[in-house]
């Protein structure tokens, strides 16, 4: 009798955790840049900080979904 059990692929899991760590860093940096931009509306860096803040917030969402998909693939995808 052979059991056909799938095991977690450790290298893919580590890649997914790295992406989730990057998403966590972006989740803190994005709102920080947005707060800096919105509290200094008179400064000349208002628009660039606002744009960078929105881009980093978008990257946080992207890396969170990509990391979660990678982690789930490492656990449930057939080899």
PDB file of N, CA and C in Angstrom:
ATOM      1  N   UNK A   1       0.822  -1.181   0.000  1.00  0.00           N
ATOM      2  CA  UNK A   1       0.000   0.000   0.000  1.00  0.00           C
ATOM      3  C   UNK A   1       0.868   1.247   0.000  1.00  0.00           C
ATOM      4  N   UNK A   2       0.545   2.145  -0.886  1.00  0.00           N
ATOM      5  CA  UNK A   2       1.268   3.415  -0.908  1.00  0.00           C
ATOM      6  C   UNK A   2       0.310   4.546  -0.584  1.00  0.00           C
ATOM      7  N   UNK A   3       0.798   5.444   0.210  1.00  0.00           N
ATOM      8  CA  UNK A   3      -0.013   6.601   0.531  1.00  0.00           C
ATOM      9  C   UNK A   3       0.398   7.749  -0.363  1.00  0.00           C
ATOM     10  N   UNK A   4      -0.576   8.408  -0.907  1.00  0.00           N
ATOM     11  CA  UNK A   4      -0.311   9.535  -1.781  1.00  0.00           C
ATOM     12  C   UNK A   4      -0.611  10.818  -1.013  1.00  0.00           C
ATOM     13  N   UNK A   5       0.271  11.161  -0.104  1.00  0.00           N
ATOM     14  CA  UNK A   5       0.077  12.378   0.680  1.00  0.00           C
ATOM     15  C   UNK A   5       1.004  13.459   0.149  1.00  0.00           C
ATOM     16  N   UNK A   6       0.486  14.649   0.117  1.00  0.00           N
ATOM     17  CA  UNK A   6       1.323  15.759  -0.331  1.00  0.00           C
ATOM     18  C   UNK A   6       1.905  16.451   0.891  1.00  0.00           C
ATOM     19  N   UNK A   7       3.124  16.872   0.742  1.00  0.00           N
ATOM     20  CA  UNK A   7       3.808  17.564   1.827  1.00  0.00           C
ATOM     21  C   UNK A   7       4.048  19.003   1.420  1.00  0.00           C
ATOM     22  N   UNK A   8       4.278  19.819   2.419  1.00  0.00           N
ATOM     23  CA  UNK A   8       4.540  21.230   2.158  1.00  0.00           C
ATOM     24  C   UNK A   8       5.925  21.399   1.551  1.00  0.00           C
ATOM     25  N   UNK A   9       5.982  22.121   0.465  1.00  0.00           N
ATOM     26  CA  UNK A   9       7.251  22.432  -0.176  1.00  0.00           C
ATOM     27  C   UNK A   9       7.879  23.598   0.593  1.00  0.00           C
ATOM     28  N   UNK A  10       8.971  23.329   1.286  1.00  0.00           N
ATOM     29  CA  UNK A  10       9.569  24.312   2.199  1.00  0.00           C
ATOM     30  C   UNK A  10      10.127  25.532   1.461  1.00  0.00           C
ATOM     31  N   UNK A  11      10.722  25.329   0.289  1.00  0.00           N
ATOM     32  CA  UNK A  11      11.313  26.478  -0.411  1.00  0.00           C
ATOM     33  C   UNK A  11      10.236  27.442  -0.904  1.00  0.00           C
ATOM     34  N   UNK A  12       9.133  26.902  -1.390  1.00  0.00           N
ATOM     35  CA  UNK A  12       8.037  27.767  -1.831  1.00  0.00           C
ATOM     36  C   UNK A  12       7.396  28.449  -0.632  1.00  0.00           C
ATOM     37  N   UNK A  13       7.306  27.752   0.489  1.00  0.00           N
ATOM     38  CA  UNK A  13       6.749  28.337   1.706  1.00  0.00           C
ATOM     39  C   UNK A  13       7.610  29.513   2.176  1.00  0.00           C
ATOM     40  N   UNK A  14       8.921  29.362   2.139  1.00  0.00           N
ATOM     41  CA  UNK A  14       9.818  30.443   2.555  1.00  0.00           C
ATOM     42  C   UNK A  14       9.665  31.642   1.624  1.00  0.00           C
ATOM     43  N   UNK A  15       9.528  31.395   0.324  1.00  0.00           N
ATOM     44  CA  UNK A  15       9.306  32.500  -0.614  1.00  0.00           C
ATOM     45  C   UNK A  15       8.003  33.230  -0.305  1.00  0.00           C
ATOM     46  N   UNK A  16       6.966  32.490   0.032  1.00  0.00           N
ATOM     47  CA  UNK A  16       5.694  33.103   0.392  1.00  0.00           C
ATOM     48  C   UNK A  16       5.796  33.926   1.669  1.00  0.00           C
ATOM     49  N   UNK A  17       6.547  33.421   2.637  1.00  0.00           N
ATOM     50  CA  UNK A  17       6.720  34.169   3.883  1.00  0.00           C
ATOM     51  C   UNK A  17       7.533  35.439   3.667  1.00  0.00           C
ATOM     52  N   UNK A  18       8.501  35.392   2.747  1.00  0.00           N
ATOM     53  CA  UNK A  18       9.259  36.599   2.414  1.00  0.00           C
ATOM     54  C   UNK A  18       8.353  37.654   1.788  1.00  0.00           C
ATOM     55  N   UNK A  19       7.457  37.219   0.907  1.00  0.00           N
ATOM     56  CA  UNK A  19       6.526  38.153   0.286  1.00  0.00           C
ATOM     57  C   UNK A  19       5.581  38.744   1.323  1.00  0.00           C
ATOM     58  N   UNK A  20       5.160  37.935   2.289  1.00  0.00           N
ATOM     59  CA  UNK A  20       4.294  38.449   3.347  1.00  0.00           C
ATOM     60  C   UNK A  20       5.042  39.438   4.238  1.00  0.00           C
ATOM     61  N   UNK A  21       6.325  39.201   4.472  1.00  0.00           N
ATOM     62  CA  UNK A  21       7.131  40.151   5.236  1.00  0.00           C
ATOM     63  C   UNK A  21       7.279  41.473   4.508  1.00  0.00           C
ATOM     64  N   UNK A  22       7.460  41.400   3.201  1.00  0.00           N
ATOM     65  CA  UNK A  22       7.535  42.615   2.389  1.00  0.00           C
ATOM     66  C   UNK A  22       6.200  43.360   2.412  1.00  0.00           C
ATOM     67  N   UNK A  23       5.106  42.618   2.381  1.00  0.00           N
ATOM     68  CA  UNK A  23       3.790  43.239   2.458  1.00  0.00           C
ATOM     69  C   UNK A  23       3.600  43.927   3.811  1.00  0.00           C
ATOM     70  N   UNK A  24       4.084  43.305   4.878  1.00  0.00           N
ATOM     71  CA  UNK A  24       3.966  43.909   6.203  1.00  0.00           C
ATOM     72  C   UNK A  24       4.751  45.213   6.289  1.00  0.00           C
ATOM     73  N   UNK A  25       5.941  45.227   5.708  1.00  0.00           N
ATOM     74  CA  UNK A  25       6.736  46.461   5.698  1.00  0.00           C
ATOM     75  C   UNK A  25       6.017  47.554   4.903  1.00  0.00           C
ATOM     76  N   UNK A  26       5.430  47.184   3.775  1.00  0.00           N
ATOM     77  CA  UNK A  26       4.697  48.163   2.969  1.00  0.00           C
ATOM     78  C   UNK A  26       3.440  48.652   3.679  1.00  0.00           C
ATOM     79  N   UNK A  27       2.840  47.788   4.508  1.00  0.00           N
ATOM     80  CA  UNK A  27       1.639  48.184   5.249  1.00  0.00           C
ATOM     81  C   UNK A  27       1.946  49.264   6.292  1.00  0.00           C
ATOM     82  N   UNK A  28       3.173  49.329   6.745  1.00  0.00           N
ATOM     83  CA  UNK A  28       3.546  50.389   7.665  1.00  0.00           C
ATOM     84  C   UNK A  28       4.065  51.626   6.933  1.00  0.00           C
ATOM     85  N   UNK A  29       4.835  51.413   5.869  1.00  0.00           N
ATOM     86  CA  UNK A  29       5.431  52.543   5.153  1.00  0.00           C
ATOM     87  C   UNK A  29       4.399  53.367   4.375  1.00  0.00           C
ATOM     88  N   UNK A  30       3.464  52.706   3.727  1.00  0.00           N
ATOM     89  CA  UNK A  30       2.478  53.413   2.908  1.00  0.00           C
ATOM     90  C   UNK A  30       1.655  54.425   3.692  1.00  0.00           C
ATOM     91  N   UNK A  31       0.986  54.003   4.762  1.00  0.00           N
ATOM     92  CA  UNK A  31       0.226  54.977   5.556  1.00  0.00           C
ATOM     93  C   UNK A  31       1.107  56.047   6.209  1.00  0.00           C
ATOM     94  N   UNK A  32       2.355  55.707   6.512  1.00  0.00           N
ATOM     95  CA  UNK A  32       3.260  56.717   7.076  1.00  0.00           C
ATOM     96  C   UNK A  32       3.522  57.821   6.061  1.00  0.00           C
ATOM     97  N   UNK A  33       3.807  57.436   4.817  1.00  0.00           N
ATOM     98  CA  UNK A  33       4.014  58.441   3.778  1.00  0.00           C
ATOM     99  C   UNK A  33       2.744  59.249   3.520  1.00  0.00           C
ATOM    100  N   UNK A  34       1.594  58.583   3.539  1.00  0.00           N
ATOM    101  CA  UNK A  34       0.338  59.310   3.340  1.00  0.00           C
ATOM    102  C   UNK A  34       0.101  60.313   4.459  1.00  0.00           C
ATOM    103  N   UNK A  35       0.384  59.924   5.689  1.00  0.00           N
ATOM    104  CA  UNK A  35       0.218  60.832   6.824  1.00  0.00           C
ATOM    105  C   UNK A  35       1.170  62.020   6.707  1.00  0.00           C
ATOM    106  N   UNK A  36       2.416  61.755   6.329  1.00  0.00           N
ATOM    107  CA  UNK A  36       3.376  62.847   6.148  1.00  0.00           C
ATOM    108  C   UNK A  36       2.917  63.812   5.054  1.00  0.00           C
ATOM    109  N   UNK A  37       2.375  63.272   3.984  1.00  0.00           N
ATOM    110  CA  UNK A  37       1.935  64.127   2.880  1.00  0.00           C
ATOM    111  C   UNK A  37       0.713  64.944   3.277  1.00  0.00           C
ATOM    112  N   UNK A  38      -0.234  64.323   3.947  1.00  0.00           N
ATOM    113  CA  UNK A  38      -1.488  65.012   4.247  1.00  0.00           C
ATOM    114  C   UNK A  38      -1.362  66.004   5.398  1.00  0.00           C
ATOM    115  N   UNK A  39      -0.338  65.886   6.222  1.00  0.00           N
ATOM    116  CA  UNK A  39      -0.168  66.865   7.294  1.00  0.00           C
ATOM    117  C   UNK A  39       0.681  68.052   6.849  1.00  0.00           C
ATOM    118  N   UNK A  40       1.327  67.972   5.701  1.00  0.00           N
ATOM    119  CA  UNK A  40       2.158  69.061   5.184  1.00  0.00           C
ATOM    120  C   UNK A  40       1.700  69.454   3.789  1.00  0.00           C
ATOM    121  N   UNK A  41       0.483  69.933   3.682  1.00  0.00           N
ATOM    122  CA  UNK A  41      -0.062  70.268   2.358  1.00  0.00           C
ATOM    123  C   UNK A  41       0.602  71.487   1.725  1.00  0.00           C
ATOM    124  N   UNK A  42       1.216  72.333   2.518  1.00  0.00           N
ATOM    125  CA  UNK A  42       1.821  73.542   1.976  1.00  0.00           C
ATOM    126  C   UNK A  42       3.235  73.296   1.436  1.00  0.00           C
ATOM    127  N   UNK A  43       3.830  72.200   1.793  1.00  0.00           N
ATOM    128  CA  UNK A  43       5.217  71.903   1.397  1.00  0.00           C
ATOM    129  C   UNK A  43       5.287  71.513  -0.080  1.00  0.00           C
ATOM    130  N   UNK A  44       6.447  71.703  -0.702  1.00  0.00           N
ATOM    131  CA  UNK A  44       6.563  71.356  -2.127  1.00  0.00           C
ATOM    132  C   UNK A  44       6.577  69.850  -2.392  1.00  0.00           C
ATOM    133  N   UNK A  45       6.849  69.030  -1.380  1.00  0.00           N
ATOM    134  CA  UNK A  45       6.877  67.578  -1.581  1.00  0.00           C
ATOM    135  C   UNK A  45       5.521  66.913  -1.327  1.00  0.00           C
ATOM    136  N   UNK A  46       4.461  67.697  -1.256  1.00  0.00           N
ATOM    137  CA  UNK A  46       3.131  67.155  -0.972  1.00  0.00           C
ATOM    138  C   UNK A  46       2.698  66.133  -2.024  1.00  0.00           C
ATOM    139  N   UNK A  47       2.750  66.504  -3.282  1.00  0.00           N
ATOM    140  CA  UNK A  47       2.287  65.617  -4.356  1.00  0.00           C
ATOM    141  C   UNK A  47       3.180  64.386  -4.502  1.00  0.00           C
ATOM    142  N   UNK A  48       4.521  64.523  -4.527  1.00  0.00           N
ATOM    143  CA  UNK A  48       5.341  63.304  -4.644  1.00  0.00           C
ATOM    144  C   UNK A  48       5.160  62.337  -3.472  1.00  0.00           C
ATOM    145  N   UNK A  49       5.049  62.859  -2.250  1.00  0.00           N
ATOM    146  CA  UNK A  49       4.834  61.970  -1.098  1.00  0.00           C
ATOM    147  C   UNK A  49       3.481  61.277  -1.181  1.00  0.00           C
ATOM    148  N   UNK A  50       2.476  61.995  -1.653  1.00  0.00           N
ATOM    149  CA  UNK A  50       1.142  61.413  -1.798  1.00  0.00           C
ATOM    150  C   UNK A  50       1.160  60.282  -2.828  1.00  0.00           C
ATOM    151  N   UNK A  51       1.836  60.505  -3.937  1.00  0.00           N
ATOM    152  CA  UNK A  51       1.922  59.481  -4.983  1.00  0.00           C
ATOM    153  C   UNK A  51       2.690  58.263  -4.481  1.00  0.00           C
ATOM    154  N   UNK A  52       3.823  58.497  -3.821  1.00  0.00           N
ATOM    155  CA  UNK A  52       4.624  57.386  -3.288  1.00  0.00           C
ATOM    156  C   UNK A  52       3.829  56.611  -2.239  1.00  0.00           C
ATOM    157  N   UNK A  53       3.080  57.313  -1.400  1.00  0.00           N
ATOM    158  CA  UNK A  53       2.263  56.640  -0.386  1.00  0.00           C
ATOM    159  C   UNK A  53       1.213  55.727  -1.001  1.00  0.00           C
ATOM    160  N   UNK A  54       0.534  56.216  -2.039  1.00  0.00           N
ATOM    161  CA  UNK A  54      -0.476  55.386  -2.699  1.00  0.00           C
ATOM    162  C   UNK A  54       0.154  54.189  -3.408  1.00  0.00           C
ATOM    163  N   UNK A  55       1.314  54.390  -4.011  1.00  0.00           N
ATOM    164  CA  UNK A  55       1.997  53.275  -4.690  1.00  0.00           C
ATOM    165  C   UNK A  55       2.407  52.210  -3.677  1.00  0.00           C
ATOM    166  N   UNK A  56       2.947  52.637  -2.540  1.00  0.00           N
ATOM    167  CA  UNK A  56       3.372  51.669  -1.522  1.00  0.00           C
ATOM    168  C   UNK A  56       2.168  50.932  -0.928  1.00  0.00           C
ATOM    169  N   UNK A  57       1.049  51.624  -0.751  1.00  0.00           N
ATOM    170  CA  UNK A  57      -0.168  50.947  -0.262  1.00  0.00           C
ATOM    171  C   UNK A  57      -0.661  49.914  -1.277  1.00  0.00           C
ATOM    172  N   UNK A  58      -0.579  50.252  -2.556  1.00  0.00           N
ATOM    173  CA  UNK A  58      -0.946  49.286  -3.594  1.00  0.00           C
ATOM    174  C   UNK A  58      -0.011  48.090  -3.618  1.00  0.00           C
ATOM    175  N   UNK A  59       1.276  48.348  -3.418  1.00  0.00           N
ATOM    176  CA  UNK A  59       2.240  47.246  -3.362  1.00  0.00           C
ATOM    177  C   UNK A  59       1.988  46.347  -2.153  1.00  0.00           C
ATOM    178  N   UNK A  60       1.533  46.928  -1.050  1.00  0.00           N
ATOM    179  CA  UNK A  60       1.218  46.125   0.139  1.00  0.00           C
ATOM    180  C   UNK A  60       0.100  45.138  -0.180  1.00  0.00           C
ATOM    181  N   UNK A  61      -0.930  45.605  -0.866  1.00  0.00           N
ATOM    182  CA  UNK A  61      -2.021  44.705  -1.249  1.00  0.00           C
ATOM    183  C   UNK A  61      -1.535  43.630  -2.221  1.00  0.00           C
ATOM    184  N   UNK A  62      -0.738  44.043  -3.207  1.00  0.00           N
ATOM    185  CA  UNK A  62      -0.230  43.096  -4.201  1.00  0.00           C
ATOM    186  C   UNK A  62       0.606  42.003  -3.543  1.00  0.00           C
ATOM    187  N   UNK A  63       1.571  42.402  -2.693  1.00  0.00           N
ATOM    188  CA  UNK A  63       2.443  41.416  -2.071  1.00  0.00           C
ATOM    189  C   UNK A  63       1.692  40.540  -1.065  1.00  0.00           C
ATOM    190  N   UNK A  64       0.664  41.083  -0.420  1.00  0.00           N
ATOM    191  CA  UNK A  64      -0.115  40.270   0.512  1.00  0.00           C
ATOM    192  C   UNK A  64      -0.857  39.158  -0.233  1.00  0.00           C
ATOM    193  N   UNK A  65      -1.525  39.502  -1.332  1.00  0.00           N
ATOM    194  CA  UNK A  65      -2.239  38.484  -2.094  1.00  0.00           C
ATOM    195  C   UNK A  65      -1.275  37.493  -2.752  1.00  0.00           C
ATOM    196  N   UNK A  66      -0.165  38.008  -3.286  1.00  0.00           N
ATOM    197  CA  UNK A  66       0.811  37.139  -3.934  1.00  0.00           C
ATOM    198  C   UNK A  66       1.447  36.186  -2.909  1.00  0.00           C
ATOM    199  N   UNK A  67       1.774  36.699  -1.732  1.00  0.00           N
ATOM    200  CA  UNK A  67       2.366  35.871  -0.682  1.00  0.00           C
ATOM    201  C   UNK A  67       1.402  34.816  -0.174  1.00  0.00           C
ATOM    202  N   UNK A  68       0.144  35.204   0.017  1.00  0.00           N
ATOM    203  CA  UNK A  68      -0.854  34.235   0.481  1.00  0.00           C
ATOM    204  C   UNK A  68      -1.067  33.136  -0.548  1.00  0.00           C
ATOM    205  N   UNK A  69      -1.103  33.503  -1.832  1.00  0.00           N
ATOM    206  CA  UNK A  69      -1.262  32.499  -2.882  1.00  0.00           C
ATOM    207  C   UNK A  69      -0.059  31.557  -2.916  1.00  0.00           C
ATOM    208  N   UNK A  70       1.141  32.106  -2.738  1.00  0.00           N
ATOM    209  CA  UNK A  70       2.346  31.281  -2.743  1.00  0.00           C
ATOM    210  C   UNK A  70       2.361  30.313  -1.572  1.00  0.00           C
ATOM    211  N   UNK A  71       1.955  30.788  -0.397  1.00  0.00           N
ATOM    212  CA  UNK A  71       1.903  29.915   0.782  1.00  0.00           C
ATOM    213  C   UNK A  71       0.884  28.798   0.581  1.00  0.00           C
ATOM    214  N   UNK A  72      -0.281  29.140   0.049  1.00  0.00           N
ATOM    215  CA  UNK A  72      -1.295  28.112  -0.186  1.00  0.00           C
ATOM    216  C   UNK A  72      -0.859  27.130  -1.258  1.00  0.00           C
ATOM    217  N   UNK A  73      -0.150  27.600  -2.282  1.00  0.00           N
ATOM    218  CA  UNK A  73       0.376  26.692  -3.305  1.00  0.00           C
ATOM    219  C   UNK A  73       1.401  25.736  -2.727  1.00  0.00           C
ATOM    220  N   UNK A  74       2.198  26.226  -1.778  1.00  0.00           N
ATOM    221  CA  UNK A  74       3.208  25.337  -1.197  1.00  0.00           C
ATOM    222  C   UNK A  74       2.577  24.236  -0.369  1.00  0.00           C
ATOM    223  N   UNK A  75       1.389  24.456   0.151  1.00  0.00           N
ATOM    224  CA  UNK A  75       0.737  23.439   0.983  1.00  0.00           C
ATOM    225  C   UNK A  75      -0.176  22.505   0.198  1.00  0.00           C
ATOM    226  N   UNK A  76      -0.921  23.055  -0.764  1.00  0.00           N
ATOM    227  CA  UNK A  76      -1.978  22.262  -1.377  1.00  0.00           C
ATOM    228  C   UNK A  76      -1.752  21.885  -2.835  1.00  0.00           C
ATOM    229  N   UNK A  77      -0.785  22.466  -3.493  1.00  0.00           N
ATOM    230  CA  UNK A  77      -0.567  22.157  -4.907  1.00  0.00           C
ATOM    231  C   UNK A  77       0.125  20.816  -5.058  1.00  0.00           C
ATOM    232  N   UNK A  78      -0.343  20.032  -5.999  1.00  0.00           N
ATOM    233  CA  UNK A  78       0.260  18.736  -6.272  1.00  0.00           C
ATOM    234  C   UNK A  78       1.610  18.920  -6.937  1.00  0.00           C
ATOM    235  N   UNK A  79       2.572  18.117  -6.578  1.00  0.00           N
ATOM    236  CA  UNK A  79       3.923  18.212  -7.132  1.00  0.00           C
ATOM    237  C   UNK A  79       3.985  17.547  -8.486  1.00  0.00           C
TER     238      UNK A  79
END
